[in-house]
Amino acid sequence: MLSFMVILTVVLHTCLSELDILHPSRPCTEAKNKNAYDTFLYQHLRKDIPTDPRNLRKWQQFIDKINTWDRPKQSFFPFREARSVMAVCSSGGKMHEGNLCISKKPLRFFTVYIKNMKQVKNVTAQKQHVILGCDTFEKKCRPTHFKTNKDNATPDNKKPDCSKAMANTSFIPFEELFQI
């Protein structure tokens, strides 16, 4: 009887964790927020991102243009990293936790620090493994969230590629991601 209760508990826990809508148990599940991918692109991967972290005036103008002063810390990928960023949600990333994938290789990005919701205080150029939330839109797994890698985590090579989570999804050709 005790073994039956243990098995029942494990089965129930597994089933309920799969139903967790806010925290999917794996990457590339159907997106709940249909605007999350577009928001990710707007907030992290744009063609007009300044490339010099020392030019605070240009960064100030850029943050003015996209009007994200309410975010005290913001991260942006140079557009030349676009292919690598998108690949994190497929063969270029390893499953991390929940719907998160971590890049197999370190990527370059800028972190912008905002002072008093109206001034760019500092911009740093970084290179590290990035952690992205990955969800499915129209059967394509795409990034939806940038998570700070504050512990400098690296991918666990024992975990499957994020592409393994994409049983019913497909890889996105780069040209489909942006109107190039």
Protein backbone atom coordinates (compact mmCIF):
# COMPACT_ATOMS: atom_id res chain seq x y z
CA MET A 1 0.00 0.00 0.00
CA LEU A 2 2.84 2.38 0.83
CA SER A 3 4.49 1.81 -2.55
CA PHE A 4 1.16 2.56 -4.25
CA MET A 5 0.97 5.90 -2.38
CA VAL A 6 4.55 6.78 -3.34
CA ILE A 7 3.89 5.99 -7.01
CA LEU A 8 0.61 7.93 -6.95
CA THR A 9 2.37 10.94 -5.38
CA VAL A 10 5.12 10.90 -8.02
CA VAL A 11 2.62 10.59 -10.87
CA LEU A 12 0.46 13.42 -9.50
CA HIS A 13 3.48 15.67 -8.99
CA THR A 14 4.68 15.02 -12.56
CA CYS A 15 1.26 15.67 -14.05
CA LEU A 16 0.69 18.85 -12.06
CA SER A 17 4.14 20.23 -12.88
CA GLU A 18 3.34 19.81 -16.59
CA LEU A 19 0.20 21.90 -16.05
CA ASP A 20 2.09 24.80 -14.47
CA ILE A 21 1.13 27.56 -16.88
CA LEU A 22 3.35 30.32 -15.48
CA HIS A 23 6.48 28.17 -15.22
CA PRO A 24 6.61 25.57 -17.97
CA SER A 25 8.69 22.50 -17.12
CA ARG A 26 10.61 22.65 -20.40
CA PRO A 27 11.52 25.09 -23.15
CA CYS A 28 9.55 25.49 -26.35
CA THR A 29 6.10 25.01 -24.89
CA GLU A 30 3.22 27.00 -26.40
CA ALA A 31 3.56 30.69 -25.49
CA LYS A 32 0.92 32.10 -23.17
CA ASN A 33 1.86 35.70 -23.99
CA LYS A 34 1.47 36.05 -27.74
CA ASN A 35 3.50 39.31 -27.73
CA ALA A 36 6.49 37.95 -25.77
CA TYR A 37 8.70 37.32 -28.81
CA ASP A 38 8.07 40.78 -30.28
CA THR A 39 8.71 42.31 -26.85
CA PHE A 40 11.98 40.38 -26.57
CA LEU A 41 13.14 41.72 -29.94
CA TYR A 42 12.11 45.27 -29.04
CA GLN A 43 13.86 45.16 -25.67
CA HIS A 44 16.99 43.14 -26.49
CA LEU A 45 17.78 42.58 -30.18
CA ARG A 46 17.48 45.55 -32.53
CA LYS A 47 19.38 46.83 -35.54
CA ASP A 48 19.67 50.34 -34.04
CA ILE A 49 21.49 49.45 -30.81
CA PRO A 50 24.60 51.59 -30.24
CA THR A 51 27.84 49.61 -30.39
CA ASP A 52 30.20 51.76 -28.32
CA PRO A 53 29.66 51.35 -24.55
CA ARG A 54 31.68 54.54 -23.90
CA ASN A 55 29.35 56.80 -25.86
CA LEU A 56 26.74 57.46 -23.16
CA ARG A 57 25.13 60.21 -25.23
CA LYS A 58 24.17 57.73 -27.97
CA TRP A 59 22.88 55.28 -25.38
CA GLN A 60 20.86 58.07 -23.78
CA GLN A 61 19.30 58.88 -27.16
CA PHE A 62 18.61 55.20 -27.80
CA ILE A 63 16.85 54.66 -24.44
CA ASP A 64 14.88 57.86 -25.12
CA LYS A 65 13.83 56.48 -28.51
CA ILE A 66 12.59 53.12 -27.17
CA ASN A 67 11.30 54.71 -23.94
CA THR A 68 12.42 52.07 -21.45
CA TRP A 69 13.48 54.37 -18.63
CA ASP A 70 11.42 52.35 -16.16
CA ARG A 71 13.89 49.44 -16.39
CA PRO A 72 16.95 50.24 -14.19
CA LYS A 73 19.07 47.49 -15.78
CA GLN A 74 18.70 46.58 -19.46
CA SER A 75 20.61 44.20 -21.72
CA PHE A 76 21.02 44.46 -25.49
CA PHE A 77 22.65 42.18 -28.04
CA PRO A 78 24.58 43.71 -30.94
CA PHE A 79 22.68 42.79 -34.09
CA ARG A 80 25.65 40.80 -35.40
CA GLU A 81 24.86 38.29 -32.59
CA ALA A 82 21.29 37.76 -33.88
CA ARG A 83 21.88 34.27 -35.30
CA SER A 84 23.58 33.10 -32.11
CA VAL A 85 20.86 34.59 -29.91
CA MET A 86 18.11 32.87 -31.89
CA ALA A 87 20.03 29.58 -31.87
CA VAL A 88 19.96 29.46 -28.04
CA CYS A 89 16.35 28.22 -28.32
CA SER A 90 17.39 25.36 -30.62
CA SER A 91 20.72 23.66 -31.29
CA GLY A 92 22.80 26.54 -29.87
CA GLY A 93 21.50 26.13 -26.34
CA LYS A 94 21.18 23.53 -23.62
CA MET A 95 18.11 23.09 -21.45
CA HIS A 96 18.67 24.98 -18.20
CA GLU A 97 15.60 24.99 -15.96
CA GLY A 98 11.89 25.45 -16.59
CA ASN A 99 11.47 27.09 -20.00
CA LEU A 100 15.02 28.48 -19.87
CA CYS A 101 17.87 27.59 -22.20
CA ILE A 102 21.51 28.57 -21.74
CA SER A 103 23.80 29.30 -24.68
CA LYS A 104 26.46 26.71 -25.47
CA LYS A 105 28.99 29.46 -26.08
CA PRO A 106 29.41 32.89 -24.49
CA LEU A 107 27.68 35.73 -26.36
CA ARG A 108 28.45 39.44 -26.42
CA PHE A 109 25.92 41.92 -25.08
CA PHE A 110 25.68 45.34 -23.46
CA THR A 111 24.20 46.04 -20.06
CA VAL A 112 22.85 49.55 -19.56
CA TYR A 113 22.36 50.94 -16.05
CA ILE A 114 19.78 53.70 -15.63
CA LYS A 115 20.00 56.37 -12.94
CA ASN A 116 16.84 58.00 -11.55
CA MET A 117 14.70 56.76 -14.48
CA LYS A 118 16.07 59.51 -16.72
CA GLN A 119 19.81 59.15 -17.25
CA VAL A 120 22.16 56.44 -18.53
CA LYS A 121 24.62 55.93 -15.68
CA ASN A 122 26.88 53.28 -17.20
CA VAL A 123 27.12 50.80 -20.08
CA THR A 124 29.23 47.67 -19.88
CA ALA A 125 30.18 45.29 -22.67
CA GLN A 126 29.94 41.69 -21.50
CA LYS A 127 30.60 38.23 -22.85
CA GLN A 128 29.11 35.25 -21.07
CA HIS A 129 26.68 32.38 -21.46
CA VAL A 130 23.20 33.86 -21.76
CA ILE A 131 20.00 32.44 -20.31
CA LEU A 132 16.86 32.91 -22.38
CA GLY A 133 13.25 31.93 -21.89
CA CYS A 134 12.14 30.01 -24.97
CA ASP A 135 8.52 29.54 -26.04
CA THR A 136 6.77 28.32 -29.17
CA PHE A 137 4.99 30.65 -31.58
CA GLU A 138 3.35 29.12 -34.65
CA LYS A 139 5.40 25.91 -34.20
CA LYS A 140 8.70 27.82 -33.96
CA CYS A 141 10.72 28.07 -30.75
CA ARG A 142 11.77 31.67 -30.12
CA PRO A 143 13.32 33.67 -27.27
CA THR A 144 10.88 35.49 -25.01
CA HIS A 145 12.87 36.54 -21.96
CA PHE A 146 16.44 37.49 -21.03
CA LYS A 147 17.45 36.28 -17.57
CA THR A 148 20.53 37.72 -15.89
CA ASN A 149 23.25 35.10 -15.45
CA LYS A 150 24.37 36.50 -12.11
CA ASP A 151 26.03 33.23 -11.00
CA ASN A 152 27.98 32.96 -14.28
CA ALA A 153 26.34 29.60 -15.01
CA THR A 154 27.60 27.47 -17.86
CA PRO A 155 25.70 24.86 -19.87
CA ASP A 156 25.47 21.33 -18.49
CA ASN A 157 26.60 19.11 -21.36
CA LYS A 158 24.66 16.20 -19.85
CA LYS A 159 21.40 18.04 -20.51
CA PRO A 160 19.77 17.88 -23.95
CA ASP A 161 19.92 20.66 -26.52
CA CYS A 162 16.95 22.99 -26.49
CA SER A 163 16.12 21.64 -29.93
CA LYS A 164 15.24 18.35 -28.22
CA ALA A 165 12.38 20.16 -26.49
CA MET A 166 11.01 21.07 -29.89
CA ALA A 167 9.30 17.79 -30.79
CA ASN A 168 6.54 19.56 -32.72
CA THR A 169 8.34 22.76 -33.61
CA SER A 170 10.73 23.75 -36.35
CA PHE A 171 13.94 25.71 -36.74
CA ILE A 172 13.47 29.27 -37.95
CA PRO A 173 15.49 30.42 -40.96
CA PHE A 174 17.31 33.63 -40.07
CA GLU A 175 15.64 35.55 -42.89
CA GLU A 176 12.20 34.82 -41.37
CA LEU A 177 13.19 36.41 -38.08
CA PHE A 178 13.72 39.86 -39.49
CA GLN A 179 12.64 41.58 -42.64
CA ILE A 180 16.05 41.52 -44.33
